[in-house]
Amino acid sequence: MEARKLSKEDYAANHPAGKIRKSLIFKVKDLVKKQEELPLCEEGDLIMDQLMKLTSKGCGCLLVVDDNQCLTGTFTDGDLRQTLKASGEAIFKLTVGKMCNRNPRPIGPDAMAEEAMKKMESPPSPVQFLPVIDLQNVVIGIVTLHDLILDCIPIYLPLAFRLLVSSPFV
């Protein structure tokens, strides 16, 4: 590519089928779940009131946002299990904001799908989703491991397999 002074896009255009093209052109914005599919909640929402959203959106998480739809945290089904174990009946009075992860791992819409997979796999522990945010930290979507696997097989299959095998839920 460098010798011919081709951009990734030009190179991908000349390889319309196959692994090289897909790995060069798939972006997060091509795979993201849109607004109506998002498991959004606010910090003050009670955990128990958000259980249906946590399980029905198919992401295994809630994206915690403020009044401006800016990402403030995430709350996963794993967080729910840990909270239930630690707090017992007190869970009925706990808010999502009190128990959410305040250091989520977001990604931008123009990032390449390959970068999203690598970010999901990166330390300290693998994750199954990435909130997609704009430059103002506003949530615009979510990309899941499932989305990446379905749309990017066979490109990312070895990486996806490693993520799934290393998941504490498998």
N, C-alpha and C. Protein backbone atom coordinates (compact mmCIF):
# COMPACT_ATOMS: atom_id res chain seq x y z
N MET A 1 0.82 -1.19 0.00
CA MET A 1 0.00 0.00 0.00
C MET A 1 0.87 1.25 0.00
N GLU A 2 1.89 1.25 0.85
CA GLU A 2 2.73 2.43 0.96
C GLU A 2 3.51 2.67 -0.32
N ALA A 3 4.02 1.60 -0.94
CA ALA A 3 4.80 1.73 -2.16
C ALA A 3 3.97 2.35 -3.28
N ARG A 4 2.69 2.04 -3.34
CA ARG A 4 1.80 2.58 -4.38
C ARG A 4 1.05 3.82 -3.92
N LYS A 5 1.33 4.25 -2.70
CA LYS A 5 0.70 5.45 -2.12
C LYS A 5 -0.82 5.35 -2.15
N LEU A 6 -1.34 4.20 -1.71
CA LEU A 6 -2.77 3.97 -1.64
C LEU A 6 -3.25 4.13 -0.20
N SER A 7 -4.41 4.73 -0.05
CA SER A 7 -5.03 4.77 1.28
C SER A 7 -5.65 3.40 1.55
N LYS A 8 -6.02 3.16 2.81
CA LYS A 8 -6.70 1.90 3.13
C LYS A 8 -7.98 1.76 2.33
N GLU A 9 -8.70 2.87 2.15
CA GLU A 9 -9.95 2.84 1.41
C GLU A 9 -9.73 2.47 -0.05
N ASP A 10 -8.67 3.08 -0.67
CA ASP A 10 -8.36 2.76 -2.07
C ASP A 10 -7.96 1.29 -2.20
N TYR A 11 -7.16 0.83 -1.25
CA TYR A 11 -6.71 -0.56 -1.29
C TYR A 11 -7.90 -1.51 -1.15
N ALA A 12 -8.81 -1.18 -0.22
CA ALA A 12 -9.99 -2.01 -0.01
C ALA A 12 -10.88 -2.02 -1.24
N ALA A 13 -10.99 -0.89 -1.92
CA ALA A 13 -11.82 -0.80 -3.12
C ALA A 13 -11.31 -1.72 -4.22
N ASN A 14 -10.02 -1.95 -4.25
CA ASN A 14 -9.42 -2.83 -5.27
C ASN A 14 -9.48 -4.30 -4.88
N HIS A 15 -9.99 -4.59 -3.69
CA HIS A 15 -10.15 -5.96 -3.21
C HIS A 15 -11.59 -6.10 -2.72
N PRO A 16 -12.55 -6.06 -3.65
CA PRO A 16 -13.95 -5.98 -3.26
C PRO A 16 -14.50 -7.16 -2.49
N ALA A 17 -13.85 -8.29 -2.54
CA ALA A 17 -14.33 -9.44 -1.78
C ALA A 17 -13.20 -9.94 -0.89
N GLY A 18 -13.61 -10.54 0.19
CA GLY A 18 -12.60 -11.20 1.01
C GLY A 18 -12.19 -10.46 2.25
N LYS A 19 -11.28 -11.09 2.93
CA LYS A 19 -10.83 -10.69 4.25
C LYS A 19 -10.20 -9.31 4.28
N ILE A 20 -9.35 -9.02 3.31
CA ILE A 20 -8.63 -7.74 3.33
C ILE A 20 -9.61 -6.58 3.27
N ARG A 21 -10.56 -6.64 2.36
CA ARG A 21 -11.52 -5.55 2.21
C ARG A 21 -12.31 -5.34 3.50
N LYS A 22 -12.85 -6.41 4.05
CA LYS A 22 -13.68 -6.28 5.24
C LYS A 22 -12.90 -5.71 6.41
N SER A 23 -11.68 -6.16 6.60
CA SER A 23 -10.91 -5.68 7.75
C SER A 23 -10.52 -4.22 7.59
N LEU A 24 -10.52 -3.73 6.35
CA LEU A 24 -10.15 -2.35 6.12
C LEU A 24 -11.34 -1.39 6.09
N ILE A 25 -12.54 -1.90 5.86
CA ILE A 25 -13.66 -0.98 5.70
C ILE A 25 -14.71 -1.04 6.79
N PHE A 26 -14.84 -2.13 7.54
CA PHE A 26 -15.85 -2.20 8.58
C PHE A 26 -15.51 -1.23 9.70
N LYS A 27 -16.44 -0.32 9.95
CA LYS A 27 -16.27 0.61 11.06
C LYS A 27 -17.34 0.33 12.10
N VAL A 28 -17.10 0.82 13.31
CA VAL A 28 -18.05 0.63 14.39
C VAL A 28 -19.42 1.15 13.99
N LYS A 29 -19.47 2.29 13.30
CA LYS A 29 -20.77 2.87 12.93
C LYS A 29 -21.55 1.97 11.97
N ASP A 30 -20.88 1.04 11.31
CA ASP A 30 -21.56 0.09 10.42
C ASP A 30 -22.22 -1.04 11.20
N LEU A 31 -21.84 -1.24 12.45
CA LEU A 31 -22.27 -2.39 13.23
C LEU A 31 -23.08 -2.02 14.47
N VAL A 32 -23.15 -0.75 14.77
CA VAL A 32 -23.71 -0.28 16.03
C VAL A 32 -25.22 -0.48 16.12
N LYS A 33 -25.68 -0.82 17.32
CA LYS A 33 -27.12 -0.83 17.61
C LYS A 33 -27.55 0.62 17.77
N LYS A 34 -28.66 0.95 17.18
CA LYS A 34 -29.12 2.34 17.16
C LYS A 34 -29.93 2.70 18.40
N GLN A 35 -30.33 3.96 18.46
CA GLN A 35 -30.97 4.56 19.64
C GLN A 35 -32.13 3.74 20.21
N GLU A 36 -33.04 3.27 19.37
CA GLU A 36 -34.21 2.55 19.89
C GLU A 36 -33.84 1.19 20.48
N GLU A 37 -32.67 0.68 20.16
CA GLU A 37 -32.24 -0.62 20.68
C GLU A 37 -31.36 -0.50 21.92
N LEU A 38 -31.09 0.71 22.35
CA LEU A 38 -30.13 0.93 23.43
C LEU A 38 -30.73 0.68 24.81
N PRO A 39 -29.96 0.03 25.68
CA PRO A 39 -30.39 -0.19 27.07
C PRO A 39 -29.97 0.98 27.95
N LEU A 40 -30.63 2.11 27.77
CA LEU A 40 -30.27 3.33 28.50
C LEU A 40 -31.03 3.43 29.82
N CYS A 41 -30.36 3.97 30.82
CA CYS A 41 -31.01 4.29 32.08
C CYS A 41 -30.28 5.47 32.71
N GLU A 42 -30.87 6.01 33.75
CA GLU A 42 -30.27 7.13 34.44
C GLU A 42 -29.75 6.70 35.81
N GLU A 43 -28.84 7.48 36.35
CA GLU A 43 -28.19 7.14 37.61
C GLU A 43 -29.17 6.93 38.75
N GLY A 44 -30.23 7.70 38.79
CA GLY A 44 -31.19 7.63 39.88
C GLY A 44 -32.20 6.50 39.76
N ASP A 45 -32.19 5.78 38.65
CA ASP A 45 -33.13 4.67 38.47
C ASP A 45 -32.80 3.52 39.42
N LEU A 46 -33.83 2.94 40.00
CA LEU A 46 -33.62 1.77 40.87
C LEU A 46 -33.21 0.57 40.03
N ILE A 47 -32.25 -0.19 40.53
CA ILE A 47 -31.78 -1.38 39.82
C ILE A 47 -32.95 -2.31 39.50
N MET A 48 -33.81 -2.53 40.46
CA MET A 48 -34.92 -3.47 40.26
C MET A 48 -35.88 -3.01 39.17
N ASP A 49 -36.00 -1.70 38.97
CA ASP A 49 -36.88 -1.18 37.93
C ASP A 49 -36.26 -1.32 36.53
N GLN A 50 -34.98 -1.61 36.47
CA GLN A 50 -34.28 -1.69 35.19
C GLN A 50 -33.98 -3.13 34.75
N LEU A 51 -34.44 -4.10 35.51
CA LEU A 51 -34.13 -5.50 35.18
C LEU A 51 -34.62 -5.92 33.81
N MET A 52 -35.82 -5.52 33.44
CA MET A 52 -36.35 -5.90 32.12
C MET A 52 -35.49 -5.33 31.00
N LYS A 53 -35.09 -4.08 31.15
CA LYS A 53 -34.26 -3.44 30.13
C LYS A 53 -32.89 -4.13 30.07
N LEU A 54 -32.37 -4.48 31.22
CA LEU A 54 -31.07 -5.16 31.29
C LEU A 54 -31.09 -6.46 30.51
N THR A 55 -32.20 -7.18 30.59
CA THR A 55 -32.27 -8.49 29.95
C THR A 55 -32.92 -8.48 28.56
N SER A 56 -33.76 -7.51 28.27
CA SER A 56 -34.52 -7.56 27.02
C SER A 56 -33.83 -6.95 25.81
N LYS A 57 -32.83 -6.15 26.00
CA LYS A 57 -32.17 -5.48 24.87
C LYS A 57 -31.08 -6.33 24.21
N GLY A 58 -30.75 -7.46 24.82
CA GLY A 58 -29.79 -8.37 24.21
C GLY A 58 -28.34 -7.93 24.29
N CYS A 59 -28.04 -7.01 25.19
CA CYS A 59 -26.66 -6.53 25.34
C CYS A 59 -26.01 -7.00 26.63
N GLY A 60 -26.81 -7.39 27.62
CA GLY A 60 -26.26 -7.82 28.90
C GLY A 60 -25.77 -6.67 29.75
N CYS A 61 -26.25 -5.46 29.43
CA CYS A 61 -25.78 -4.30 30.17
C CYS A 61 -26.79 -3.17 30.09
N LEU A 62 -26.56 -2.18 30.93
CA LEU A 62 -27.26 -0.91 30.86
C LEU A 62 -26.22 0.17 30.64
N LEU A 63 -26.52 1.13 29.79
CA LEU A 63 -25.66 2.30 29.62
C LEU A 63 -26.26 3.40 30.48
N VAL A 64 -25.50 3.85 31.46
CA VAL A 64 -25.98 4.85 32.40
C VAL A 64 -25.63 6.23 31.84
N VAL A 65 -26.66 7.07 31.69
CA VAL A 65 -26.47 8.39 31.09
C VAL A 65 -27.02 9.48 32.00
N ASP A 66 -26.56 10.70 31.77
CA ASP A 66 -27.10 11.85 32.51
C ASP A 66 -28.23 12.47 31.69
N ASP A 67 -28.70 13.64 32.10
CA ASP A 67 -29.82 14.30 31.42
C ASP A 67 -29.51 14.68 29.98
N ASN A 68 -28.22 14.81 29.65
CA ASN A 68 -27.81 15.18 28.29
C ASN A 68 -27.44 13.96 27.44
N GLN A 69 -27.75 12.77 27.95
CA GLN A 69 -27.44 11.51 27.27
C GLN A 69 -25.94 11.22 27.20
N CYS A 70 -25.17 11.88 28.07
CA CYS A 70 -23.73 11.62 28.16
C CYS A 70 -23.50 10.38 29.01
N LEU A 71 -22.57 9.55 28.58
CA LEU A 71 -22.25 8.32 29.29
C LEU A 71 -21.60 8.61 30.63
N THR A 72 -22.17 8.06 31.70
CA THR A 72 -21.58 8.22 33.03
C THR A 72 -21.13 6.88 33.61
N GLY A 73 -21.59 5.76 33.02
CA GLY A 73 -21.20 4.46 33.52
C GLY A 73 -21.90 3.34 32.79
N THR A 74 -21.60 2.12 33.22
CA THR A 74 -22.26 0.94 32.69
C THR A 74 -22.62 0.03 33.86
N PHE A 75 -23.65 -0.75 33.67
CA PHE A 75 -24.08 -1.72 34.67
C PHE A 75 -24.39 -3.01 33.93
N THR A 76 -23.67 -4.08 34.25
CA THR A 76 -23.80 -5.35 33.53
C THR A 76 -24.59 -6.38 34.33
N ASP A 77 -24.93 -7.46 33.65
CA ASP A 77 -25.59 -8.55 34.37
C ASP A 77 -24.65 -9.13 35.42
N GLY A 78 -23.36 -9.07 35.19
CA GLY A 78 -22.38 -9.49 36.20
C GLY A 78 -22.40 -8.57 37.42
N ASP A 79 -22.54 -7.27 37.16
CA ASP A 79 -22.66 -6.31 38.27
C ASP A 79 -23.92 -6.60 39.09
N LEU A 80 -24.98 -6.98 38.40
CA LEU A 80 -26.23 -7.32 39.09
C LEU A 80 -26.01 -8.50 40.04
N ARG A 81 -25.35 -9.54 39.57
CA ARG A 81 -25.10 -10.72 40.43
C ARG A 81 -24.25 -10.35 41.63
N GLN A 82 -23.20 -9.56 41.40
CA GLN A 82 -22.33 -9.15 42.50
C GLN A 82 -23.07 -8.28 43.51
N THR A 83 -23.91 -7.36 43.00
CA THR A 83 -24.68 -6.48 43.88
C THR A 83 -25.67 -7.28 44.71
N LEU A 84 -26.34 -8.22 44.07
CA LEU A 84 -27.31 -9.06 44.78
C LEU A 84 -26.63 -9.87 45.88
N LYS A 85 -25.47 -10.43 45.55
CA LYS A 85 -24.73 -11.22 46.54
C LYS A 85 -24.28 -10.36 47.72
N ALA A 86 -23.81 -9.15 47.42
CA ALA A 86 -23.27 -8.28 48.46
C ALA A 86 -24.35 -7.59 49.29
N SER A 87 -25.50 -7.27 48.66
CA SER A 87 -26.47 -6.45 49.36
C SER A 87 -27.77 -7.16 49.74
N GLY A 88 -28.01 -8.31 49.15
CA GLY A 88 -29.22 -9.05 49.49
C GLY A 88 -30.47 -8.24 49.22
N GLU A 89 -31.36 -8.16 50.21
CA GLU A 89 -32.63 -7.47 50.05
C GLU A 89 -32.47 -5.96 49.86
N ALA A 90 -31.35 -5.42 50.24
CA ALA A 90 -31.11 -3.98 50.07
C ALA A 90 -31.08 -3.59 48.59
N ILE A 91 -30.93 -4.57 47.71
CA ILE A 91 -30.90 -4.29 46.28
C ILE A 91 -32.17 -3.59 45.82
N PHE A 92 -33.27 -3.80 46.51
CA PHE A 92 -34.55 -3.18 46.13
C PHE A 92 -34.52 -1.66 46.27
N LYS A 93 -33.55 -1.14 47.03
CA LYS A 93 -33.47 0.30 47.25
C LYS A 93 -32.25 0.94 46.59
N LEU A 94 -31.41 0.14 45.94
CA LEU A 94 -30.19 0.66 45.34
C LEU A 94 -30.45 1.23 43.95
N THR A 95 -29.75 2.32 43.65
CA THR A 95 -29.85 2.90 42.32
C THR A 95 -28.74 2.37 41.41
N VAL A 96 -28.99 2.45 40.13
CA VAL A 96 -27.98 2.01 39.16
C VAL A 96 -26.72 2.85 39.32
N GLY A 97 -26.89 4.15 39.54
CA GLY A 97 -25.75 5.05 39.68
C GLY A 97 -24.83 4.69 40.84
N LYS A 98 -25.41 4.15 41.90
CA LYS A 98 -24.61 3.79 43.07
C LYS A 98 -23.73 2.57 42.79
N MET A 99 -24.19 1.67 41.93
CA MET A 99 -23.48 0.41 41.73
C MET A 99 -22.82 0.26 40.35
N CYS A 100 -22.95 1.25 39.49
CA CYS A 100 -22.42 1.10 38.13
C CYS A 100 -20.90 1.27 38.07
N ASN A 101 -20.34 0.81 36.98
CA ASN A 101 -18.92 0.99 36.68
C ASN A 101 -18.73 2.41 36.15
N ARG A 102 -17.97 3.20 36.85
CA ARG A 102 -17.75 4.61 36.47
C ARG A 102 -16.62 4.77 35.46
N ASN A 103 -15.98 3.68 35.08
CA ASN A 103 -14.89 3.75 34.11
C ASN A 103 -15.19 2.84 32.92
N PRO A 104 -16.26 3.16 32.18
CA PRO A 104 -16.59 2.30 31.03
C PRO A 104 -15.53 2.41 29.95
N ARG A 105 -15.58 1.50 29.01
CA ARG A 105 -14.62 1.42 27.92
C ARG A 105 -15.34 1.80 26.62
N PRO A 106 -15.50 3.11 26.32
CA PRO A 106 -16.23 3.50 25.12
C PRO A 106 -15.35 3.49 23.87
N ILE A 107 -16.01 3.66 22.73
CA ILE A 107 -15.32 3.75 21.45
C ILE A 107 -16.08 4.73 20.57
N GLY A 108 -15.38 5.32 19.63
CA GLY A 108 -16.01 6.27 18.70
C GLY A 108 -16.59 5.56 17.49
N PRO A 109 -17.54 6.18 16.81
CA PRO A 109 -18.21 5.54 15.67
C PRO A 109 -17.30 5.33 14.46
N ASP A 110 -16.24 6.11 14.33
CA ASP A 110 -15.37 5.98 13.17
C ASP A 110 -14.20 5.02 13.39
N ALA A 111 -14.15 4.42 14.56
CA ALA A 111 -13.10 3.41 14.83
C ALA A 111 -13.37 2.19 13.96
N MET A 112 -12.31 1.51 13.59
CA MET A 112 -12.44 0.30 12.79
C MET A 112 -12.94 -0.84 13.67
N ALA A 113 -13.67 -1.77 13.06
CA ALA A 113 -14.20 -2.92 13.79
C ALA A 113 -13.07 -3.71 14.46
N GLU A 114 -11.97 -3.80 13.78
CA GLU A 114 -10.82 -4.52 14.34
C GLU A 114 -10.35 -3.87 15.64
N GLU A 115 -10.35 -2.55 15.69
CA GLU A 115 -9.98 -1.83 16.90
C GLU A 115 -10.98 -2.12 18.03
N ALA A 116 -12.26 -2.20 17.69
CA ALA A 116 -13.29 -2.51 18.69
C ALA A 116 -13.03 -3.89 19.31
N MET A 117 -12.72 -4.87 18.46
CA MET A 117 -12.43 -6.22 18.98
C MET A 117 -11.23 -6.20 19.91
N LYS A 118 -10.19 -5.49 19.50
CA LYS A 118 -8.99 -5.43 20.34
C LYS A 118 -9.27 -4.72 21.65
N LYS A 119 -10.11 -3.68 21.61
CA LYS A 119 -10.45 -2.96 22.83
C LYS A 119 -11.27 -3.83 23.77
N MET A 120 -12.15 -4.66 23.20
CA MET A 120 -12.93 -5.58 24.04
C MET A 120 -12.03 -6.60 24.74
N GLU A 121 -10.96 -6.97 24.08
CA GLU A 121 -10.06 -7.98 24.62
C GLU A 121 -9.01 -7.42 25.56
N SER A 122 -8.82 -6.12 25.57
CA SER A 122 -7.72 -5.51 26.31
C SER A 122 -7.89 -5.60 27.83
N PRO A 123 -6.77 -5.53 28.56
CA PRO A 123 -6.81 -5.55 30.02
C PRO A 123 -7.57 -4.35 30.56
N PRO A 124 -8.11 -4.43 31.76
CA PRO A 124 -7.84 -5.44 32.77
C PRO A 124 -8.63 -6.73 32.59
N SER A 125 -9.76 -6.69 31.88
CA SER A 125 -10.52 -7.91 31.65
C SER A 125 -11.33 -7.74 30.37
N PRO A 126 -11.61 -8.84 29.68
CA PRO A 126 -12.40 -8.75 28.45
C PRO A 126 -13.83 -8.30 28.74
N VAL A 127 -14.41 -7.59 27.78
CA VAL A 127 -15.80 -7.16 27.89
C VAL A 127 -16.57 -7.65 26.67
N GLN A 128 -17.89 -7.67 26.76
CA GLN A 128 -18.75 -8.16 25.69
C GLN A 128 -19.38 -7.04 24.87
N PHE A 129 -19.15 -5.78 25.26
CA PHE A 129 -19.78 -4.65 24.57
C PHE A 129 -18.93 -3.41 24.75
N LEU A 130 -19.13 -2.44 23.88
CA LEU A 130 -18.52 -1.12 24.01
C LEU A 130 -19.59 -0.07 23.73
N PRO A 131 -19.77 0.88 24.65
CA PRO A 131 -20.65 2.01 24.34
C PRO A 131 -20.01 2.83 23.22
N VAL A 132 -20.82 3.30 22.30
CA VAL A 132 -20.32 4.13 21.21
C VAL A 132 -20.73 5.56 21.53
N ILE A 133 -19.74 6.45 21.60
CA ILE A 133 -20.00 7.84 21.98
C ILE A 133 -19.43 8.79 20.94
N ASP A 134 -20.00 10.00 20.91
CA ASP A 134 -19.46 11.03 20.03
C ASP A 134 -18.39 11.82 20.79
N LEU A 135 -17.91 12.88 20.19
CA LEU A 135 -16.83 13.67 20.80
C LEU A 135 -17.25 14.39 22.08
N GLN A 136 -18.57 14.56 22.27
CA GLN A 136 -19.08 15.21 23.49
C GLN A 136 -19.47 14.18 24.55
N ASN A 137 -19.12 12.92 24.37
CA ASN A 137 -19.42 11.84 25.30
C ASN A 137 -20.90 11.44 25.29
N VAL A 138 -21.64 11.85 24.27
CA VAL A 138 -23.05 11.50 24.14
C VAL A 138 -23.14 10.09 23.55
N VAL A 139 -23.98 9.27 24.17
CA VAL A 139 -24.16 7.90 23.69
C VAL A 139 -24.92 7.92 22.37
N ILE A 140 -24.33 7.30 21.35
CA ILE A 140 -24.99 7.21 20.05
C ILE A 140 -25.28 5.76 19.66
N GLY A 141 -24.77 4.83 20.46
CA GLY A 141 -25.02 3.43 20.15
C GLY A 141 -24.24 2.50 21.06
N ILE A 142 -24.28 1.25 20.70
CA ILE A 142 -23.51 0.22 21.41
C ILE A 142 -23.11 -0.83 20.38
N VAL A 143 -21.92 -1.35 20.52
CA VAL A 143 -21.49 -2.45 19.66
C VAL A 143 -21.16 -3.62 20.59
N THR A 144 -21.67 -4.79 20.23
CA THR A 144 -21.47 -5.97 21.06
C THR A 144 -20.56 -6.96 20.36
N LEU A 145 -20.00 -7.84 21.14
CA LEU A 145 -19.18 -8.90 20.59
C LEU A 145 -19.99 -9.71 19.58
N HIS A 146 -21.23 -9.95 19.91
CA HIS A 146 -22.13 -10.70 19.02
C HIS A 146 -22.25 -9.99 17.66
N ASP A 147 -22.43 -8.67 17.67
CA ASP A 147 -22.51 -7.90 16.43
C ASP A 147 -21.24 -8.07 15.59
N LEU A 148 -20.11 -7.97 16.26
CA LEU A 148 -18.84 -8.09 15.55
C LEU A 148 -18.64 -9.48 14.95
N ILE A 149 -19.01 -10.49 15.72
CA ILE A 149 -18.85 -11.85 15.22
C ILE A 149 -19.76 -12.10 14.02
N LEU A 150 -21.00 -11.70 14.12
CA LEU A 150 -21.95 -11.95 13.02
C LEU A 150 -21.56 -11.23 11.74
N ASP A 151 -21.10 -9.99 11.87
CA ASP A 151 -20.83 -9.20 10.68
C ASP A 151 -19.41 -9.33 10.15
N CYS A 152 -18.51 -9.78 10.97
CA CYS A 152 -17.11 -9.78 10.55
C CYS A 152 -16.48 -11.16 10.44
N ILE A 153 -17.23 -12.23 10.61
CA ILE A 153 -16.69 -13.57 10.39
C ILE A 153 -16.31 -13.65 8.92
N PRO A 154 -15.22 -14.21 8.53
CA PRO A 154 -14.26 -14.96 9.32
C PRO A 154 -13.08 -14.13 9.80
N ILE A 155 -13.10 -12.84 9.57
CA ILE A 155 -11.96 -11.99 9.88
C ILE A 155 -11.52 -12.09 11.32
N TYR A 156 -12.49 -11.99 12.24
CA TYR A 156 -12.15 -11.89 13.65
C TYR A 156 -12.42 -13.16 14.44
N LEU A 157 -12.69 -14.24 13.78
CA LEU A 157 -13.06 -15.46 14.48
C LEU A 157 -12.02 -15.89 15.52
N PRO A 158 -10.73 -15.92 15.20
CA PRO A 158 -9.77 -16.33 16.24
C PRO A 158 -9.80 -15.40 17.46
N LEU A 159 -9.89 -14.09 17.23
CA LEU A 159 -9.93 -13.14 18.33
C LEU A 159 -11.24 -13.27 19.11
N ALA A 160 -12.34 -13.43 18.41
CA ALA A 160 -13.64 -13.59 19.07
C ALA A 160 -13.67 -14.85 19.91
N PHE A 161 -13.09 -15.92 19.41
CA PHE A 161 -13.05 -17.17 20.17
C PHE A 161 -12.27 -16.98 21.46
N ARG A 162 -11.13 -16.28 21.38
CA ARG A 162 -10.34 -16.01 22.59
C ARG A 162 -11.15 -15.20 23.60
N LEU A 163 -11.91 -14.21 23.12
CA LEU A 163 -12.74 -13.40 24.02
C LEU A 163 -13.80 -14.25 24.70
N LEU A 164 -14.46 -15.09 23.92
CA LEU A 164 -15.51 -15.92 24.48
C LEU A 164 -14.97 -16.92 25.48
N VAL A 165 -13.85 -17.52 25.16
CA VAL A 165 -13.25 -18.52 26.06
C VAL A 165 -12.78 -17.88 27.35
N SER A 166 -12.32 -16.62 27.27
CA SER A 166 -11.81 -15.96 28.47
C SER A 166 -12.92 -15.30 29.28
N SER A 167 -14.15 -15.31 28.77
CA SER A 167 -15.28 -14.70 29.48
C SER A 167 -15.58 -15.46 30.76
N PRO A 168 -15.81 -14.74 31.86
CA PRO A 168 -16.15 -15.42 33.12
C PRO A 168 -17.54 -16.06 33.09
N PHE A 169 -18.31 -15.78 32.03
CA PHE A 169 -19.67 -16.28 31.95
C PHE A 169 -19.80 -17.54 31.12
N VAL A 170 -18.70 -18.00 30.55
CA VAL A 170 -18.74 -19.21 29.71
C VAL A 170 -18.37 -20.41 30.52
